Amino acid sequence: MKRALNILGILLILIGGVFFLQGINILPGSFMTGEIEWAVYGALAAALGFVLIGRARR
């Protein structure tokens, strides 16, 4: 279970980072580019990823 939470957490952090960067118009090439709502979604996904990794380490 710990391994699964770590993997899911890492994936959420990576995907959230991409969403965030596209949302703030740093990483172009998508319909998400420049749309602030995707930056918010990305930040939330990354935060959830950190929470999952924290839970896995307990």
N, C-alpha and C. Protein backbone atom coordinates (compact mmCIF):
# COMPACT_ATOMS: atom_id res chain seq x y z
N MET A 1 0.82 -1.19 0.00
CA MET A 1 0.00 0.00 0.00
C MET A 1 0.87 1.26 0.00
N LYS A 2 1.96 1.23 0.76
CA LYS A 2 2.85 2.39 0.80
C LYS A 2 3.43 2.68 -0.58
N ARG A 3 3.79 1.62 -1.27
CA ARG A 3 4.38 1.79 -2.60
C ARG A 3 3.38 2.44 -3.56
N ALA A 4 2.13 1.98 -3.50
CA ALA A 4 1.10 2.53 -4.38
C ALA A 4 0.85 4.01 -4.07
N LEU A 5 0.82 4.36 -2.79
CA LEU A 5 0.62 5.77 -2.42
C LEU A 5 1.78 6.63 -2.88
N ASN A 6 2.99 6.11 -2.77
CA ASN A 6 4.16 6.87 -3.24
C ASN A 6 4.11 7.09 -4.74
N ILE A 7 3.79 6.06 -5.49
CA ILE A 7 3.72 6.17 -6.95
C ILE A 7 2.62 7.15 -7.36
N LEU A 8 1.45 7.01 -6.74
CA LEU A 8 0.35 7.92 -7.05
C LEU A 8 0.70 9.36 -6.68
N GLY A 9 1.34 9.53 -5.54
CA GLY A 9 1.76 10.86 -5.11
C GLY A 9 2.73 11.50 -6.08
N ILE A 10 3.71 10.74 -6.52
CA ILE A 10 4.70 11.26 -7.47
C ILE A 10 4.03 11.62 -8.80
N LEU A 11 3.13 10.77 -9.27
CA LEU A 11 2.42 11.08 -10.51
C LEU A 11 1.58 12.35 -10.39
N LEU A 12 0.91 12.51 -9.25
CA LEU A 12 0.12 13.72 -9.06
C LEU A 12 0.99 14.97 -9.01
N ILE A 13 2.16 14.86 -8.40
CA ILE A 13 3.07 16.01 -8.35
C ILE A 13 3.56 16.37 -9.75
N LEU A 14 3.93 15.37 -10.52
CA LEU A 14 4.42 15.63 -11.88
C LEU A 14 3.33 16.20 -12.78
N ILE A 15 2.17 15.59 -12.77
CA ILE A 15 1.06 16.06 -13.60
C ILE A 15 0.61 17.44 -13.14
N GLY A 16 0.53 17.62 -11.83
CA GLY A 16 0.15 18.93 -11.29
C GLY A 16 1.14 20.01 -11.68
N GLY A 17 2.42 19.66 -11.70
CA GLY A 17 3.44 20.63 -12.12
C GLY A 17 3.27 21.05 -13.57
N VAL A 18 2.98 20.09 -14.43
CA VAL A 18 2.75 20.41 -15.84
C VAL A 18 1.52 21.29 -15.99
N PHE A 19 0.43 20.91 -15.32
CA PHE A 19 -0.79 21.72 -15.39
C PHE A 19 -0.52 23.14 -14.90
N PHE A 20 0.20 23.26 -13.78
CA PHE A 20 0.49 24.57 -13.21
C PHE A 20 1.31 25.42 -14.18
N LEU A 21 2.36 24.83 -14.73
CA LEU A 21 3.22 25.58 -15.65
C LEU A 21 2.47 25.99 -16.92
N GLN A 22 1.60 25.13 -17.41
CA GLN A 22 0.81 25.51 -18.57
C GLN A 22 -0.20 26.59 -18.21
N GLY A 23 -0.76 26.48 -17.04
CA GLY A 23 -1.76 27.47 -16.61
C GLY A 23 -1.19 28.87 -16.44
N ILE A 24 0.08 28.95 -16.03
CA ILE A 24 0.69 30.28 -15.87
C ILE A 24 1.49 30.69 -17.11
N ASN A 25 1.30 29.95 -18.20
CA ASN A 25 1.83 30.31 -19.52
C ASN A 25 3.35 30.19 -19.62
N ILE A 26 3.94 29.27 -18.89
CA ILE A 26 5.38 29.03 -19.01
C ILE A 26 5.65 27.86 -19.95
N LEU A 27 4.77 26.88 -19.94
CA LEU A 27 4.92 25.68 -20.77
C LEU A 27 3.83 25.69 -21.84
N PRO A 28 4.15 26.16 -23.05
CA PRO A 28 3.13 26.29 -24.08
C PRO A 28 2.81 24.97 -24.77
N GLY A 29 1.78 25.01 -25.59
CA GLY A 29 1.48 23.88 -26.46
C GLY A 29 0.22 23.12 -26.14
N SER A 30 -0.72 23.73 -25.45
CA SER A 30 -1.93 23.02 -25.07
C SER A 30 -3.07 24.01 -24.96
N PHE A 31 -4.28 23.47 -24.89
CA PHE A 31 -5.44 24.33 -24.67
C PHE A 31 -5.43 24.91 -23.25
N MET A 32 -4.61 24.35 -22.37
CA MET A 32 -4.52 24.83 -20.99
C MET A 32 -3.61 26.05 -20.86
N THR A 33 -2.82 26.32 -21.87
CA THR A 33 -1.83 27.39 -21.82
C THR A 33 -2.50 28.74 -21.59
N GLY A 34 -2.08 29.40 -20.53
CA GLY A 34 -2.58 30.73 -20.21
C GLY A 34 -3.91 30.76 -19.49
N GLU A 35 -4.46 29.62 -19.16
CA GLU A 35 -5.74 29.56 -18.45
C GLU A 35 -5.47 29.34 -16.97
N ILE A 36 -5.76 30.33 -16.14
CA ILE A 36 -5.40 30.32 -14.74
C ILE A 36 -6.08 29.18 -13.97
N GLU A 37 -7.25 28.74 -14.42
CA GLU A 37 -7.93 27.65 -13.72
C GLU A 37 -7.09 26.37 -13.74
N TRP A 38 -6.32 26.16 -14.81
CA TRP A 38 -5.47 24.97 -14.86
C TRP A 38 -4.29 25.09 -13.92
N ALA A 39 -3.84 26.30 -13.66
CA ALA A 39 -2.79 26.51 -12.67
C ALA A 39 -3.31 26.14 -11.28
N VAL A 40 -4.55 26.49 -11.01
CA VAL A 40 -5.15 26.15 -9.72
C VAL A 40 -5.32 24.64 -9.60
N TYR A 41 -5.82 24.00 -10.65
CA TYR A 41 -5.98 22.54 -10.63
C TYR A 41 -4.63 21.85 -10.44
N GLY A 42 -3.62 22.36 -11.10
CA GLY A 42 -2.28 21.79 -10.98
C GLY A 42 -1.73 21.92 -9.58
N ALA A 43 -1.92 23.08 -8.98
CA ALA A 43 -1.44 23.29 -7.61
C ALA A 43 -2.17 22.36 -6.64
N LEU A 44 -3.46 22.18 -6.83
CA LEU A 44 -4.22 21.27 -5.97
C LEU A 44 -3.77 19.83 -6.16
N ALA A 45 -3.53 19.42 -7.39
CA ALA A 45 -3.07 18.06 -7.65
C ALA A 45 -1.70 17.82 -7.02
N ALA A 46 -0.81 18.78 -7.16
CA ALA A 46 0.53 18.63 -6.56
C ALA A 46 0.44 18.58 -5.04
N ALA A 47 -0.41 19.41 -4.46
CA ALA A 47 -0.58 19.40 -3.00
C ALA A 47 -1.12 18.05 -2.54
N LEU A 48 -2.07 17.50 -3.27
CA LEU A 48 -2.60 16.18 -2.93
C LEU A 48 -1.51 15.11 -3.05
N GLY A 49 -0.66 15.26 -4.05
CA GLY A 49 0.46 14.32 -4.20
C GLY A 49 1.39 14.36 -3.00
N PHE A 50 1.68 15.56 -2.49
CA PHE A 50 2.54 15.67 -1.31
C PHE A 50 1.86 15.07 -0.08
N VAL A 51 0.55 15.25 0.02
CA VAL A 51 -0.18 14.66 1.15
C VAL A 51 -0.11 13.13 1.09
N LEU A 52 -0.30 12.58 -0.10
CA LEU A 52 -0.24 11.12 -0.24
C LEU A 52 1.13 10.57 0.10
N ILE A 53 2.17 11.25 -0.32
CA ILE A 53 3.53 10.80 0.01
C ILE A 53 3.75 10.90 1.51
N GLY A 54 3.25 11.97 2.13
CA GLY A 54 3.37 12.10 3.58
C GLY A 54 2.65 10.98 4.32
N ARG A 55 1.47 10.61 3.84
CA ARG A 55 0.72 9.51 4.47
C ARG A 55 1.44 8.19 4.29
N ALA A 56 2.05 8.00 3.15
CA ALA A 56 2.75 6.74 2.88
C ALA A 56 3.96 6.56 3.79
N ARG A 57 4.56 7.65 4.20
CA ARG A 57 5.76 7.56 5.04
C ARG A 57 5.46 7.35 6.51
N ARG A 58 4.21 7.41 6.89
CA ARG A 58 3.83 7.18 8.28
C ARG A 58 3.77 5.73 8.60
